[in-house]
Amino acid sequence: MRHQNRKDIVGLHGTVEVDTETGEVWRLTFIAYDIPKRLGVQSFSSTVDYALASVAGRNYLLPARSETETHSTETWARNKMEFRNYRKFSVDSVIDFGTGK
């Protein structure tokens, strides 16, 4: 069976919660609407919470938690994620072309 590549447009609306003093985004929420019936999805929503996390001695505003929920004609799914223990990865390298011209 050969699958056809199809594109469907789904509308999104939501909220962005921002710290009024710093401009930092603390929560992002979006909900799908006008979902084409042929997709078989009745609803979809997602929320991401941000928090300051220390990485290599500096604080960064990074995702802390996320929850996505999907309701389809046959299933209901919720995916909860928690992000922690952020680390800095780095590498040092040297290129030596030897003694040349």
C-alpha atoms as a PDB file:
ATOM      1  CA  MET A   1       0.000   0.000   0.000  1.00  0.00           C
ATOM      2  CA  ARG A   2       1.338   3.377  -0.928  1.00  0.00           C
ATOM      3  CA  HIS A   3       0.772   6.354   1.389  1.00  0.00           C
ATOM      4  CA  GLN A   4       0.026   9.742  -0.032  1.00  0.00           C
ATOM      5  CA  ASN A   5       1.607  12.815   1.469  1.00  0.00           C
ATOM      6  CA  ARG A   6      -1.199  15.084   2.612  1.00  0.00           C
ATOM      7  CA  LYS A   7      -1.093  18.396   4.318  1.00  0.00           C
ATOM      8  CA  ASP A   8      -3.852  19.602   6.567  1.00  0.00           C
ATOM      9  CA  ILE A   9      -4.132  22.991   8.175  1.00  0.00           C
ATOM     10  CA  VAL A  10      -5.127  23.070  11.826  1.00  0.00           C
ATOM     11  CA  GLY A  11      -5.827  26.288  13.682  1.00  0.00           C
ATOM     12  CA  LEU A  12      -4.212  27.012  17.048  1.00  0.00           C
ATOM     13  CA  HIS A  13      -5.052  29.463  19.784  1.00  0.00           C
ATOM     14  CA  GLY A  14      -3.554  29.803  23.200  1.00  0.00           C
ATOM     15  CA  THR A  15      -1.886  31.900  25.815  1.00  0.00           C
ATOM     16  CA  VAL A  16       1.596  33.060  26.648  1.00  0.00           C
ATOM     17  CA  GLU A  17       2.253  33.910  30.301  1.00  0.00           C
ATOM     18  CA  VAL A  18       5.048  36.453  30.594  1.00  0.00           C
ATOM     19  CA  ASP A  19       6.785  38.043  33.567  1.00  0.00           C
ATOM     20  CA  THR A  20       5.929  41.724  33.118  1.00  0.00           C
ATOM     21  CA  GLU A  21       9.196  42.893  34.668  1.00  0.00           C
ATOM     22  CA  THR A  22      11.668  40.643  32.822  1.00  0.00           C
ATOM     23  CA  GLY A  23       9.732  39.689  29.677  1.00  0.00           C
ATOM     24  CA  GLU A  24      10.506  36.023  30.347  1.00  0.00           C
ATOM     25  CA  VAL A  25       7.964  33.463  29.155  1.00  0.00           C
ATOM     26  CA  TRP A  26       6.838  31.212  32.021  1.00  0.00           C
ATOM     27  CA  ARG A  27       4.046  29.220  30.352  1.00  0.00           C
ATOM     28  CA  LEU A  28       2.969  28.536  26.794  1.00  0.00           C
ATOM     29  CA  THR A  29      -0.410  26.886  26.145  1.00  0.00           C
ATOM     30  CA  PHE A  30      -2.052  26.106  22.830  1.00  0.00           C
ATOM     31  CA  ILE A  31      -5.222  24.330  21.776  1.00  0.00           C
ATOM     32  CA  ALA A  32      -6.069  23.125  18.278  1.00  0.00           C
ATOM     33  CA  TYR A  33      -9.324  24.089  16.576  1.00  0.00           C
ATOM     34  CA  ASP A  34     -10.837  23.512  13.125  1.00  0.00           C
ATOM     35  CA  ILE A  35      -9.212  20.067  13.031  1.00  0.00           C
ATOM     36  CA  PRO A  36     -10.165  18.372   9.728  1.00  0.00           C
ATOM     37  CA  LYS A  37     -12.485  15.412  10.388  1.00  0.00           C
ATOM     38  CA  ARG A  38     -10.421  13.118   8.164  1.00  0.00           C
ATOM     39  CA  LEU A  39      -7.604  13.277  10.744  1.00  0.00           C
ATOM     40  CA  GLY A  40      -9.828  11.510  13.286  1.00  0.00           C
ATOM     41  CA  VAL A  41      -8.711  13.843  16.084  1.00  0.00           C
ATOM     42  CA  GLN A  42     -11.368  15.574  18.161  1.00  0.00           C
ATOM     43  CA  SER A  43      -9.041  17.676  20.319  1.00  0.00           C
ATOM     44  CA  PHE A  44      -5.384  18.449  20.917  1.00  0.00           C
ATOM     45  CA  SER A  45      -3.769  20.683  23.527  1.00  0.00           C
ATOM     46  CA  SER A  46      -0.297  21.289  24.873  1.00  0.00           C
ATOM     47  CA  THR A  47       1.224  23.249  27.755  1.00  0.00           C
ATOM     48  CA  VAL A  48       4.895  23.933  28.463  1.00  0.00           C
ATOM     49  CA  ASP A  49       6.005  25.418  31.794  1.00  0.00           C
ATOM     50  CA  TYR A  50       9.385  27.136  31.987  1.00  0.00           C
ATOM     51  CA  ALA A  51      11.617  27.619  35.033  1.00  0.00           C
ATOM     52  CA  LEU A  52      15.109  28.858  35.792  1.00  0.00           C
ATOM     53  CA  ALA A  53      17.633  26.029  35.707  1.00  0.00           C
ATOM     54  CA  SER A  54      21.289  26.185  36.633  1.00  0.00           C
ATOM     55  CA  VAL A  55      23.661  25.070  33.884  1.00  0.00           C
ATOM     56  CA  ALA A  56      27.400  25.372  34.482  1.00  0.00           C
ATOM     57  CA  GLY A  57      26.850  27.923  37.232  1.00  0.00           C
ATOM     58  CA  ARG A  58      24.492  30.181  35.237  1.00  0.00           C
ATOM     59  CA  ASN A  59      20.694  30.331  35.320  1.00  0.00           C
ATOM     60  CA  TYR A  60      18.740  29.861  32.104  1.00  0.00           C
ATOM     61  CA  LEU A  61      15.000  29.888  31.487  1.00  0.00           C
ATOM     62  CA  LEU A  62      14.354  26.383  30.164  1.00  0.00           C
ATOM     63  CA  PRO A  63      11.397  23.990  29.815  1.00  0.00           C
ATOM     64  CA  ALA A  64      10.569  22.389  33.176  1.00  0.00           C
ATOM     65  CA  ARG A  65       7.337  20.476  32.446  1.00  0.00           C
ATOM     66  CA  SER A  66       5.178  19.711  29.465  1.00  0.00           C
ATOM     67  CA  GLU A  67       1.796  18.069  29.029  1.00  0.00           C
ATOM     68  CA  THR A  68       0.147  17.169  25.735  1.00  0.00           C
ATOM     69  CA  GLU A  69      -3.322  15.674  25.416  1.00  0.00           C
ATOM     70  CA  THR A  70      -4.952  14.181  22.325  1.00  0.00           C
ATOM     71  CA  HIS A  71      -8.462  12.799  21.905  1.00  0.00           C
ATOM     72  CA  SER A  72      -9.185  10.860  18.741  1.00  0.00           C
ATOM     73  CA  THR A  73     -12.065   8.716  17.553  1.00  0.00           C
ATOM     74  CA  GLU A  74     -10.519   5.609  19.120  1.00  0.00           C
ATOM     75  CA  THR A  75      -7.978   6.716  21.705  1.00  0.00           C
ATOM     76  CA  TRP A  76      -7.166   9.255  24.367  1.00  0.00           C
ATOM     77  CA  ALA A  77      -3.529  10.000  25.136  1.00  0.00           C
ATOM     78  CA  ARG A  78      -1.769  12.199  27.658  1.00  0.00           C
ATOM     79  CA  ASN A  79       1.971  12.689  27.583  1.00  0.00           C
ATOM     80  CA  LYS A  80       3.548  14.291  30.660  1.00  0.00           C
ATOM     81  CA  MET A  81       7.226  15.171  30.625  1.00  0.00           C
ATOM     82  CA  GLU A  82       9.513  16.644  33.232  1.00  0.00           C
ATOM     83  CA  PHE A  83      12.861  18.186  32.320  1.00  0.00           C
ATOM     84  CA  ARG A  84      15.640  18.357  34.897  1.00  0.00           C
ATOM     85  CA  ASN A  85      19.348  17.846  35.484  1.00  0.00           C
ATOM     86  CA  TYR A  86      20.354  20.080  32.605  1.00  0.00           C
ATOM     87  CA  ARG A  87      24.052  19.880  31.802  1.00  0.00           C
ATOM     88  CA  LYS A  88      26.555  21.776  29.748  1.00  0.00           C
ATOM     89  CA  PHE A  89      28.353  19.720  27.153  1.00  0.00           C
ATOM     90  CA  SER A  90      31.526  21.074  25.601  1.00  0.00           C
ATOM     91  CA  VAL A  91      34.623  19.935  23.820  1.00  0.00           C
ATOM     92  CA  ASP A  92      38.054  21.347  23.073  1.00  0.00           C
ATOM     93  CA  SER A  93      39.949  20.514  19.925  1.00  0.00           C
ATOM     94  CA  VAL A  94      43.202  21.407  18.231  1.00  0.00           C
ATOM     95  CA  ILE A  95      44.015  21.143  14.542  1.00  0.00           C
ATOM     96  CA  ASP A  96      47.657  20.725  13.726  1.00  0.00           C
ATOM     97  CA  PHE A  97      48.700  20.811  10.079  1.00  0.00           C
ATOM     98  CA  GLY A  98      52.314  20.140  11.006  1.00  0.00           C
ATOM     99  CA  THR A  99      55.277  22.076   9.797  1.00  0.00           C
ATOM    100  CA  GLY A 100      54.682  23.119   6.248  1.00  0.00           C
ATOM    101  CA  LYS A 101      55.374  25.737   3.714  1.00  0.00           C
END
